[in-house]
Amino acid sequence: MEDQLQYRHRVITDGEVVFIRKLIAEHPQASRRELSKKLCQAWNWMQPNGVLRDMVCRGLMLKLHREGLIELPPVRQVPCNPLAHRTPPPVVSVDSRPLRVKLSEVQPLEFRSVRRTPEEPLFNSLLEQYHYLRYTQPVGENLKFLVYAGPRPVACFAWSSSAHYLGCRDRFLGWADEVRHKNIHLLAYNPRFLLLPWVRIPYLASHLLARMTRMLSGEWERVYGHPIYFVETFIDPERYRGTCYRAANWIVLGRTTGRGKNAWSKRPNRPIKEVLGYPLTPRFRQLLTEV
């Protein structure tokens, strides 16, 4: 190859392309999915939690195929893309009687990590019904939490992988590009935080944020095999001030450019958001800038 080929910041050598061609030739009956899994196993290409990087590997092989460097077998089936063809989560009913009490009267509050559990449909339904942005299918590493006061859910937290580039955040962390590429997985993004509309408990929101951030890194490491050192969220300043985040000591980092990751010009094409962040350890800068 005349030019150095990169995919997801991994340099692909001529020898690796030859290896992939040989792998395809040795398994003529294998599907594209099977080939990507075999390549992950051969390269020991895994996530920190031991799961094969199958989707990333499949994307690499498709890129090589489109550039004429390898020849993949024909597509056998076209799966439905849930992000392109979105079906709203089914409605799950809950007790919606007004809950107006003091914070001390609903203790102890229970946090439940509900991704891939029987409670996940309830989480999805509550966001779809009661969050102004509704429910969207998360991409990449993600966790979902329901907070219960006794038998009743009172709040939802969604967490996912952070944006690969965010100017005001990266300046705050002091990241060079090389460090950001290596350590971006050590950040998490809070795309949804919902207090159910019939819950009126003073100081509950900031209390929940404080507890959530204390437990998040441990739960992330349990699921994905690595900790989290810094979290971030976006606030639409035309709708909210982010009062509960500020009360929980989140830091205002700046504002987005409003261009998004696929913008083709420097003109804003979406609402400009305020960016807030919160370090989960006093050593966050040291840990996030290690190469």
C-alpha atoms as a PDB file:
ATOM      1  CA  MET A   1       0.000   0.000   0.000  1.00  0.00           C
ATOM      2  CA  GLU A   2       1.416   3.397  -0.953  1.00  0.00           C
ATOM      3  CA  ASP A   3      -0.252   5.281   1.893  1.00  0.00           C
ATOM      4  CA  GLN A   4      -0.418   4.142   5.475  1.00  0.00           C
ATOM      5  CA  LEU A   5      -3.867   2.712   6.189  1.00  0.00           C
ATOM      6  CA  GLN A   6      -5.482   3.479   9.540  1.00  0.00           C
ATOM      7  CA  TYR A   7      -8.776   2.385  11.029  1.00  0.00           C
ATOM      8  CA  ARG A   8      -9.960   3.591  14.441  1.00  0.00           C
ATOM      9  CA  HIS A   9      -6.381   4.813  15.092  1.00  0.00           C
ATOM     10  CA  ARG A  10      -4.921   1.358  14.374  1.00  0.00           C
ATOM     11  CA  VAL A  11      -2.312   1.207  11.602  1.00  0.00           C
ATOM     12  CA  ILE A  12      -2.965  -1.709   9.227  1.00  0.00           C
ATOM     13  CA  THR A  13       0.226  -3.068   7.691  1.00  0.00           C
ATOM     14  CA  ASP A  14       0.679  -4.822   4.331  1.00  0.00           C
ATOM     15  CA  GLY A  15       1.430  -8.019   6.231  1.00  0.00           C
ATOM     16  CA  GLU A  16      -1.889  -7.804   8.102  1.00  0.00           C
ATOM     17  CA  VAL A  17      -3.777  -7.331   4.826  1.00  0.00           C
ATOM     18  CA  VAL A  18      -2.065 -10.463   3.468  1.00  0.00           C
ATOM     19  CA  PHE A  19      -3.048 -12.308   6.659  1.00  0.00           C
ATOM     20  CA  ILE A  20      -6.713 -11.318   6.196  1.00  0.00           C
ATOM     21  CA  ARG A  21      -6.676 -12.497   2.573  1.00  0.00           C
ATOM     22  CA  LYS A  22      -5.273 -15.847   3.714  1.00  0.00           C
ATOM     23  CA  LEU A  23      -7.925 -16.101   6.466  1.00  0.00           C
ATOM     24  CA  ILE A  24     -10.699 -15.547   3.911  1.00  0.00           C
ATOM     25  CA  ALA A  25      -9.185 -18.133   1.537  1.00  0.00           C
ATOM     26  CA  GLU A  26      -8.923 -20.737   4.321  1.00  0.00           C
ATOM     27  CA  HIS A  27     -12.618 -20.344   5.249  1.00  0.00           C
ATOM     28  CA  PRO A  28     -14.502 -20.095   1.929  1.00  0.00           C
ATOM     29  CA  GLN A  29     -17.867 -20.947   3.499  1.00  0.00           C
ATOM     30  CA  ALA A  30     -17.627 -18.454   6.368  1.00  0.00           C
ATOM     31  CA  SER A  31     -19.890 -15.416   6.511  1.00  0.00           C
ATOM     32  CA  ARG A  32     -18.586 -11.881   7.033  1.00  0.00           C
ATOM     33  CA  ARG A  33     -19.607 -12.084  10.688  1.00  0.00           C
ATOM     34  CA  GLU A  34     -17.764 -15.381  11.174  1.00  0.00           C
ATOM     35  CA  LEU A  35     -14.653 -14.027   9.471  1.00  0.00           C
ATOM     36  CA  SER A  36     -14.576 -10.946  11.675  1.00  0.00           C
ATOM     37  CA  LYS A  37     -14.795 -13.101  14.790  1.00  0.00           C
ATOM     38  CA  LYS A  38     -11.994 -15.348  13.558  1.00  0.00           C
ATOM     39  CA  LEU A  39      -9.828 -12.294  12.851  1.00  0.00           C
ATOM     40  CA  CYS A  40     -10.496 -10.868  16.339  1.00  0.00           C
ATOM     41  CA  GLN A  41      -9.473 -14.188  17.861  1.00  0.00           C
ATOM     42  CA  ALA A  42      -6.333 -14.381  15.718  1.00  0.00           C
ATOM     43  CA  TRP A  43      -5.293 -10.837  16.628  1.00  0.00           C
ATOM     44  CA  ASN A  44      -6.520 -11.099  20.228  1.00  0.00           C
ATOM     45  CA  TRP A  45      -8.541  -7.952  19.477  1.00  0.00           C
ATOM     46  CA  MET A  46     -10.764  -7.568  22.537  1.00  0.00           C
ATOM     47  CA  GLN A  47     -12.436  -4.980  24.716  1.00  0.00           C
ATOM     48  CA  PRO A  48     -11.132  -4.526  28.289  1.00  0.00           C
ATOM     49  CA  ASN A  49     -13.949  -6.803  29.522  1.00  0.00           C
ATOM     50  CA  GLY A  50     -12.802  -9.660  27.252  1.00  0.00           C
ATOM     51  CA  VAL A  51     -15.521  -9.311  24.594  1.00  0.00           C
ATOM     52  CA  LEU A  52     -14.340  -9.509  20.970  1.00  0.00           C
ATOM     53  CA  ARG A  53     -14.222  -6.182  19.072  1.00  0.00           C
ATOM     54  CA  ASP A  54     -16.394  -7.829  16.448  1.00  0.00           C
ATOM     55  CA  MET A  55     -18.226  -4.742  15.158  1.00  0.00           C
ATOM     56  CA  VAL A  56     -15.019  -2.691  14.864  1.00  0.00           C
ATOM     57  CA  CYS A  57     -13.288  -5.570  13.090  1.00  0.00           C
ATOM     58  CA  ARG A  58     -16.209  -5.953  10.685  1.00  0.00           C
ATOM     59  CA  GLY A  59     -15.970  -2.252   9.876  1.00  0.00           C
ATOM     60  CA  LEU A  60     -12.246  -2.610   9.163  1.00  0.00           C
ATOM     61  CA  MET A  61     -12.807  -5.556   6.825  1.00  0.00           C
ATOM     62  CA  LEU A  62     -15.563  -3.692   4.995  1.00  0.00           C
ATOM     63  CA  LYS A  63     -13.231  -0.700   4.512  1.00  0.00           C
ATOM     64  CA  LEU A  64     -10.522  -2.953   3.078  1.00  0.00           C
ATOM     65  CA  HIS A  65     -13.094  -4.613   0.806  1.00  0.00           C
ATOM     66  CA  ARG A  66     -14.366  -1.274  -0.515  1.00  0.00           C
ATOM     67  CA  GLU A  67     -10.803  -0.149  -1.224  1.00  0.00           C
ATOM     68  CA  GLY A  68     -10.142  -3.323  -3.219  1.00  0.00           C
ATOM     69  CA  LEU A  69      -7.543  -4.698  -0.821  1.00  0.00           C
ATOM     70  CA  ILE A  70      -9.499  -7.833   0.119  1.00  0.00           C
ATOM     71  CA  GLU A  71     -12.580  -9.567  -1.256  1.00  0.00           C
ATOM     72  CA  LEU A  72     -15.278 -10.444   1.253  1.00  0.00           C
ATOM     73  CA  PRO A  73     -17.971 -13.056   0.574  1.00  0.00           C
ATOM     74  CA  PRO A  74     -21.374 -11.756  -0.558  1.00  0.00           C
ATOM     75  CA  VAL A  75     -23.711 -10.358   2.099  1.00  0.00           C
ATOM     76  CA  ARG A  76     -26.033 -13.146   3.266  1.00  0.00           C
ATOM     77  CA  GLN A  77     -28.537 -11.044   5.176  1.00  0.00           C
ATOM     78  CA  VAL A  78     -29.177  -7.363   5.833  1.00  0.00           C
ATOM     79  CA  PRO A  79     -30.106  -6.889   9.506  1.00  0.00           C
ATOM     80  CA  CYS A  80     -32.533  -4.154  10.504  1.00  0.00           C
ATOM     81  CA  ASN A  81     -30.691  -1.121  11.822  1.00  0.00           C
ATOM     82  CA  PRO A  82     -32.516  -0.085  15.043  1.00  0.00           C
ATOM     83  CA  LEU A  83     -30.978   3.393  14.822  1.00  0.00           C
ATOM     84  CA  ALA A  84     -32.334   3.984  11.314  1.00  0.00           C
ATOM     85  CA  HIS A  85     -35.691   2.244  11.840  1.00  0.00           C
ATOM     86  CA  ARG A  86     -36.661   3.198  15.346  1.00  0.00           C
ATOM     87  CA  THR A  87     -39.544   1.471  17.076  1.00  0.00           C
ATOM     88  CA  PRO A  88     -40.610   3.249  20.271  1.00  0.00           C
ATOM     89  CA  PRO A  89     -40.299   1.155  23.427  1.00  0.00           C
ATOM     90  CA  PRO A  90     -43.611  -0.358  24.537  1.00  0.00           C
ATOM     91  CA  VAL A  91     -45.373   1.497  27.337  1.00  0.00           C
ATOM     92  CA  VAL A  92     -44.886   0.047  30.816  1.00  0.00           C
ATOM     93  CA  SER A  93     -47.262   1.426  33.437  1.00  0.00           C
ATOM     94  CA  VAL A  94     -46.084   2.478  36.891  1.00  0.00           C
ATOM     95  CA  ASP A  95     -47.631   4.030  39.975  1.00  0.00           C
ATOM     96  CA  SER A  96     -47.936   7.730  39.076  1.00  0.00           C
ATOM     97  CA  ARG A  97     -49.573   9.033  42.242  1.00  0.00           C
ATOM     98  CA  PRO A  98     -47.937  12.273  43.455  1.00  0.00           C
ATOM     99  CA  LEU A  99     -44.945  11.712  45.718  1.00  0.00           C
ATOM    100  CA  ARG A 100     -44.402  14.872  47.775  1.00  0.00           C
ATOM    101  CA  VAL A 101     -42.315  14.156  50.860  1.00  0.00           C
ATOM    102  CA  LYS A 102     -39.019  15.132  52.465  1.00  0.00           C
ATOM    103  CA  LEU A 103     -35.833  13.486  51.235  1.00  0.00           C
ATOM    104  CA  SER A 104     -35.327  11.828  54.599  1.00  0.00           C
ATOM    105  CA  GLU A 105     -38.729  10.140  54.280  1.00  0.00           C
ATOM    106  CA  VAL A 106     -37.812   8.140  51.144  1.00  0.00           C
ATOM    107  CA  GLN A 107     -34.508   6.783  52.397  1.00  0.00           C
ATOM    108  CA  PRO A 108     -32.962   4.377  51.722  1.00  0.00           C
ATOM    109  CA  LEU A 109     -33.012   4.947  47.952  1.00  0.00           C
ATOM    110  CA  GLU A 110     -31.929   1.967  45.852  1.00  0.00           C
ATOM    111  CA  PHE A 111     -29.891   2.215  42.637  1.00  0.00           C
ATOM    112  CA  ARG A 112     -30.310  -0.708  40.238  1.00  0.00           C
ATOM    113  CA  SER A 113     -28.173  -1.270  37.152  1.00  0.00           C
ATOM    114  CA  VAL A 114     -30.808  -2.555  34.728  1.00  0.00           C
ATOM    115  CA  ARG A 115     -29.111  -2.968  31.342  1.00  0.00           C
ATOM    116  CA  ARG A 116     -29.785  -6.481  30.017  1.00  0.00           C
ATOM    117  CA  THR A 117     -32.126  -7.249  32.919  1.00  0.00           C
ATOM    118  CA  PRO A 118     -35.928  -7.725  33.037  1.00  0.00           C
ATOM    119  CA  GLU A 119     -36.206  -4.088  34.252  1.00  0.00           C
ATOM    120  CA  GLU A 120     -34.623  -2.587  31.131  1.00  0.00           C
ATOM    121  CA  PRO A 121     -37.983  -2.286  29.257  1.00  0.00           C
ATOM    122  CA  LEU A 122     -39.303  -0.209  32.185  1.00  0.00           C
ATOM    123  CA  PHE A 123     -36.284   2.107  31.969  1.00  0.00           C
ATOM    124  CA  ASN A 124     -36.697   2.534  28.199  1.00  0.00           C
ATOM    125  CA  SER A 125     -40.433   3.159  28.564  1.00  0.00           C
ATOM    126  CA  LEU A 126     -40.038   5.828  31.248  1.00  0.00           C
ATOM    127  CA  LEU A 127     -37.538   7.790  29.156  1.00  0.00           C
ATOM    128  CA  GLU A 128     -39.738   7.500  26.074  1.00  0.00           C
ATOM    129  CA  GLN A 129     -42.804   8.749  27.939  1.00  0.00           C
ATOM    130  CA  TYR A 130     -41.400  11.427  30.245  1.00  0.00           C
ATOM    131  CA  HIS A 131     -38.026  12.773  28.996  1.00  0.00           C
ATOM    132  CA  TYR A 132     -38.291  15.629  26.508  1.00  0.00           C
ATOM    133  CA  LEU A 133     -35.607  13.991  24.309  1.00  0.00           C
ATOM    134  CA  ARG A 134     -37.340  10.600  24.609  1.00  0.00           C
ATOM    135  CA  TYR A 135     -35.459   7.312  24.486  1.00  0.00           C
ATOM    136  CA  THR A 136     -32.659   6.658  21.994  1.00  0.00           C
ATOM    137  CA  GLN A 137     -30.652   3.474  21.628  1.00  0.00           C
ATOM    138  CA  PRO A 138     -27.186   4.089  23.108  1.00  0.00           C
ATOM    139  CA  VAL A 139     -24.049   3.322  21.084  1.00  0.00           C
ATOM    140  CA  GLY A 140     -20.849   1.877  22.503  1.00  0.00           C
ATOM    141  CA  GLU A 141     -20.320   1.171  26.193  1.00  0.00           C
ATOM    142  CA  ASN A 142     -23.372   2.158  28.192  1.00  0.00           C
ATOM    143  CA  LEU A 143     -25.173   1.612  31.479  1.00  0.00           C
ATOM    144  CA  LYS A 144     -28.741   2.225  32.621  1.00  0.00           C
ATOM    145  CA  PHE A 145     -29.864   2.812  36.208  1.00  0.00           C
ATOM    146  CA  LEU A 146     -33.266   2.982  37.851  1.00  0.00           C
ATOM    147  CA  VAL A 147     -33.581   4.584  41.296  1.00  0.00           C
ATOM    148  CA  TYR A 148     -36.275   3.231  43.595  1.00  0.00           C
ATOM    149  CA  ALA A 149     -37.948   4.648  46.691  1.00  0.00           C
ATOM    150  CA  GLY A 150     -39.354   1.465  48.144  1.00  0.00           C
ATOM    151  CA  PRO A 151     -41.242  -0.310  45.328  1.00  0.00           C
ATOM    152  CA  ARG A 152     -41.628   2.851  43.212  1.00  0.00           C
ATOM    153  CA  PRO A 153     -39.154   4.076  40.574  1.00  0.00           C
ATOM    154  CA  VAL A 154     -38.381   7.774  41.010  1.00  0.00           C
ATOM    155  CA  ALA A 155     -35.514   8.455  38.593  1.00  0.00           C
ATOM    156  CA  CYS A 156     -33.534   7.167  35.591  1.00  0.00           C
ATOM    157  CA  PHE A 157     -29.859   7.637  34.684  1.00  0.00           C
ATOM    158  CA  ALA A 158     -28.391   6.773  31.277  1.00  0.00           C
ATOM    159  CA  TRP A 159     -24.613   6.695  30.713  1.00  0.00           C
ATOM    160  CA  SER A 160     -22.704   6.041  27.506  1.00  0.00           C
ATOM    161  CA  SER A 161     -19.346   6.498  25.783  1.00  0.00           C
ATOM    162  CA  SER A 162     -18.156  10.106  25.541  1.00  0.00           C
ATOM    163  CA  ALA A 163     -17.713  12.127  22.362  1.00  0.00           C
ATOM    164  CA  HIS A 164     -14.328  11.455  20.756  1.00  0.00           C
ATOM    165  CA  TYR A 165     -13.653  15.175  20.437  1.00  0.00           C
ATOM    166  CA  LEU A 166     -15.114  17.990  22.505  1.00  0.00           C
ATOM    167  CA  GLY A 167     -13.062  21.175  22.412  1.00  0.00           C
ATOM    168  CA  CYS A 168     -13.873  22.779  25.761  1.00  0.00           C
ATOM    169  CA  ARG A 169     -13.565  19.462  27.612  1.00  0.00           C
ATOM    170  CA  ASP A 170     -10.280  18.521  25.962  1.00  0.00           C
ATOM    171  CA  ARG A 171      -8.791  21.923  26.772  1.00  0.00           C
ATOM    172  CA  PHE A 172      -9.910  21.541  30.400  1.00  0.00           C
ATOM    173  CA  LEU A 173      -8.266  18.108  30.638  1.00  0.00           C
ATOM    174  CA  GLY A 174      -5.114  19.273  28.841  1.00  0.00           C
ATOM    175  CA  TRP A 175      -5.307  16.441  26.318  1.00  0.00           C
ATOM    176  CA  ALA A 176      -3.048  16.002  23.313  1.00  0.00           C
ATOM    177  CA  ASP A 177      -4.585  14.023  20.437  1.00  0.00           C
ATOM    178  CA  GLU A 178      -2.525  10.911  21.157  1.00  0.00           C
ATOM    179  CA  VAL A 179      -3.608  10.859  24.801  1.00  0.00           C
ATOM    180  CA  ARG A 180      -7.261  11.502  23.912  1.00  0.00           C
ATOM    181  CA  HIS A 181      -7.327   8.605  21.442  1.00  0.00           C
ATOM    182  CA  LYS A 182      -5.863   6.276  24.065  1.00  0.00           C
ATOM    183  CA  ASN A 183      -7.887   7.363  27.099  1.00  0.00           C
ATOM    184  CA  ILE A 184     -11.292   8.461  25.788  1.00  0.00           C
ATOM    185  CA  HIS A 185     -12.770   5.186  27.092  1.00  0.00           C
ATOM    186  CA  LEU A 186     -12.016   6.406  30.639  1.00  0.00           C
ATOM    187  CA  LEU A 187     -14.735   9.088  30.308  1.00  0.00           C
ATOM    188  CA  ALA A 188     -18.509   8.644  30.378  1.00  0.00           C
ATOM    189  CA  TYR A 189     -21.346  10.812  29.098  1.00  0.00           C
ATOM    190  CA  ASN A 190     -24.698  11.348  30.824  1.00  0.00           C
ATOM    191  CA  PRO A 191     -27.214  11.755  27.967  1.00  0.00           C
ATOM    192  CA  ARG A 192     -30.327  11.323  30.124  1.00  0.00           C
ATOM    193  CA  PHE A 193     -31.258  12.082  33.726  1.00  0.00           C
ATOM    194  CA  LEU A 194     -34.954  11.898  34.492  1.00  0.00           C
ATOM    195  CA  LEU A 195     -36.878  12.602  37.672  1.00  0.00           C
ATOM    196  CA  LEU A 196     -40.362  11.250  37.127  1.00  0.00           C
ATOM    197  CA  PRO A 197     -42.821  14.155  36.843  1.00  0.00           C
ATOM    198  CA  TRP A 198     -44.981  13.188  39.823  1.00  0.00           C
ATOM    199  CA  VAL A 199     -41.959  13.138  42.169  1.00  0.00           C
ATOM    200  CA  ARG A 200     -41.596  16.404  44.125  1.00  0.00           C
ATOM    201  CA  ILE A 201     -38.858  15.898  46.703  1.00  0.00           C
ATOM    202  CA  PRO A 202     -36.626  18.891  47.536  1.00  0.00           C
ATOM    203  CA  TYR A 203     -32.879  18.329  46.914  1.00  0.00           C
ATOM    204  CA  LEU A 204     -33.513  14.867  45.443  1.00  0.00           C
ATOM    205  CA  ALA A 205     -31.899  15.553  42.052  1.00  0.00           C
ATOM    206  CA  SER A 206     -28.535  16.774  43.361  1.00  0.00           C
ATOM    207  CA  HIS A 207     -28.550  14.039  46.027  1.00  0.00           C
ATOM    208  CA  LEU A 208     -29.007  11.371  43.355  1.00  0.00           C
ATOM    209  CA  LEU A 209     -26.289  12.872  41.151  1.00  0.00           C
ATOM    210  CA  ALA A 210     -23.834  12.827  44.048  1.00  0.00           C
ATOM    211  CA  ARG A 211     -24.587   9.188  44.846  1.00  0.00           C
ATOM    212  CA  MET A 212     -24.574   8.156  41.200  1.00  0.00           C
ATOM    213  CA  THR A 213     -21.115   9.576  40.532  1.00  0.00           C
ATOM    214  CA  ARG A 214     -19.705   7.831  43.611  1.00  0.00           C
ATOM    215  CA  MET A 215     -20.782   4.403  42.371  1.00  0.00           C
ATOM    216  CA  LEU A 216     -20.461   4.774  38.591  1.00  0.00           C
ATOM    217  CA  SER A 217     -16.777   3.891  38.138  1.00  0.00           C
ATOM    218  CA  GLY A 218     -17.069   0.672  40.126  1.00  0.00           C
ATOM    219  CA  GLU A 219     -20.087  -0.477  38.151  1.00  0.00           C
ATOM    220  CA  TRP A 220     -18.405   0.442  34.843  1.00  0.00           C
ATOM    221  CA  GLU A 221     -15.350  -1.586  35.798  1.00  0.00           C
ATOM    222  CA  ARG A 222     -17.544  -4.542  36.761  1.00  0.00           C
ATOM    223  CA  VAL A 223     -19.246  -4.527  33.347  1.00  0.00           C
ATOM    224  CA  TYR A 224     -16.509  -3.308  31.000  1.00  0.00           C
ATOM    225  CA  GLY A 225     -13.275  -4.095  32.791  1.00  0.00           C
ATOM    226  CA  HIS A 226     -11.988  -0.534  33.208  1.00  0.00           C
ATOM    227  CA  PRO A 227     -12.769   2.423  35.497  1.00  0.00           C
ATOM    228  CA  ILE A 228     -14.160   5.899  34.703  1.00  0.00           C
ATOM    229  CA  TYR A 229     -12.323   9.008  35.894  1.00  0.00           C
ATOM    230  CA  PHE A 230     -14.405  11.871  34.488  1.00  0.00           C
ATOM    231  CA  VAL A 231     -18.034  12.360  33.429  1.00  0.00           C
ATOM    232  CA  GLU A 232     -19.751  14.979  31.300  1.00  0.00           C
ATOM    233  CA  THR A 233     -23.187  16.088  30.185  1.00  0.00           C
ATOM    234  CA  PHE A 234     -24.801  18.662  27.906  1.00  0.00           C
ATOM    235  CA  ILE A 235     -27.426  21.181  29.007  1.00  0.00           C
ATOM    236  CA  ASP A 236     -29.732  23.042  26.613  1.00  0.00           C
ATOM    237  CA  PRO A 237     -29.515  26.584  28.078  1.00  0.00           C
ATOM    238  CA  GLU A 238     -32.747  27.595  26.341  1.00  0.00           C
ATOM    239  CA  ARG A 239     -34.602  25.004  28.413  1.00  0.00           C
ATOM    240  CA  TYR A 240     -32.657  24.458  31.635  1.00  0.00           C
ATOM    241  CA  ARG A 241     -29.942  25.967  33.814  1.00  0.00           C
ATOM    242  CA  GLY A 242     -28.638  22.608  35.012  1.00  0.00           C
ATOM    243  CA  THR A 243     -29.322  23.650  38.612  1.00  0.00           C
ATOM    244  CA  CYS A 244     -29.083  20.145  40.061  1.00  0.00           C
ATOM    245  CA  TYR A 245     -25.717  19.539  38.351  1.00  0.00           C
ATOM    246  CA  ARG A 246     -24.342  22.813  39.657  1.00  0.00           C
ATOM    247  CA  ALA A 247     -25.633  21.979  43.148  1.00  0.00           C
ATOM    248  CA  ALA A 248     -23.801  18.639  42.887  1.00  0.00           C
ATOM    249  CA  ASN A 249     -20.565  20.566  42.099  1.00  0.00           C
ATOM    250  CA  TRP A 250     -20.348  19.827  38.385  1.00  0.00           C
ATOM    251  CA  ILE A 251     -18.039  22.262  36.556  1.00  0.00           C
ATOM    252  CA  VAL A 252     -19.064  24.411  33.587  1.00  0.00           C
ATOM    253  CA  LEU A 253     -16.484  23.610  30.883  1.00  0.00           C
ATOM    254  CA  GLY A 254     -17.820  25.783  28.069  1.00  0.00           C
ATOM    255  CA  ARG A 255     -20.193  25.342  25.127  1.00  0.00           C
ATOM    256  CA  THR A 256     -20.392  23.124  22.078  1.00  0.00           C
ATOM    257  CA  THR A 257     -19.899  24.579  18.614  1.00  0.00           C
ATOM    258  CA  GLY A 258     -23.298  23.312  17.437  1.00  0.00           C
ATOM    259  CA  ARG A 259     -21.726  21.533  14.472  1.00  0.00           C
ATOM    260  CA  GLY A 260     -21.800  17.875  15.473  1.00  0.00           C
ATOM    261  CA  LYS A 261     -19.342  15.201  14.349  1.00  0.00           C
ATOM    262  CA  ASN A 262     -20.583  14.975  10.738  1.00  0.00           C
ATOM    263  CA  ALA A 263     -20.853  18.689   9.977  1.00  0.00           C
ATOM    264  CA  TRP A 264     -19.545  19.560   6.489  1.00  0.00           C
ATOM    265  CA  SER A 265     -19.098  23.266   7.213  1.00  0.00           C
ATOM    266  CA  LYS A 266     -18.167  25.500  10.145  1.00  0.00           C
ATOM    267  CA  ARG A 267     -21.742  26.726  10.511  1.00  0.00           C
ATOM    268  CA  PRO A 268     -23.790  25.434  13.475  1.00  0.00           C
ATOM    269  CA  ASN A 269     -26.396  22.900  12.393  1.00  0.00           C
ATOM    270  CA  ARG A 270     -27.844  21.988  15.794  1.00  0.00           C
ATOM    271  CA  PRO A 271     -28.554  23.685  19.147  1.00  0.00           C
ATOM    272  CA  ILE A 272     -25.519  24.921  21.067  1.00  0.00           C
ATOM    273  CA  LYS A 273     -25.264  23.181  24.455  1.00  0.00           C
ATOM    274  CA  GLU A 274     -23.523  24.046  27.685  1.00  0.00           C
ATOM    275  CA  VAL A 275     -20.985  21.397  28.700  1.00  0.00           C
ATOM    276  CA  LEU A 276     -20.641  20.395  32.354  1.00  0.00           C
ATOM    277  CA  GLY A 277     -18.100  17.943  33.746  1.00  0.00           C
ATOM    278  CA  TYR A 278     -17.301  16.223  37.018  1.00  0.00           C
ATOM    279  CA  PRO A 279     -14.062  14.452  38.069  1.00  0.00           C
ATOM    280  CA  LEU A 280     -14.567  11.141  39.850  1.00  0.00           C
ATOM    281  CA  THR A 281     -11.142  11.226  41.505  1.00  0.00           C
ATOM    282  CA  PRO A 282      -8.802  14.052  42.595  1.00  0.00           C
ATOM    283  CA  ARG A 283      -6.087  12.489  40.371  1.00  0.00           C
ATOM    284  CA  PHE A 284      -8.228  12.618  37.231  1.00  0.00           C
ATOM    285  CA  ARG A 285      -5.819  14.778  35.190  1.00  0.00           C
ATOM    286  CA  GLN A 286      -2.829  12.613  36.045  1.00  0.00           C
ATOM    287  CA  LEU A 287      -4.714   9.406  35.235  1.00  0.00           C
ATOM    288  CA  LEU A 288      -6.236  10.756  32.009  1.00  0.00           C
ATOM    289  CA  THR A 289      -2.979  12.149  30.601  1.00  0.00           C
ATOM    290  CA  GLU A 290      -0.907   8.989  31.110  1.00  0.00           C
ATOM    291  CA  VAL A 291       0.192   7.339  27.859  1.00  0.00           C
END
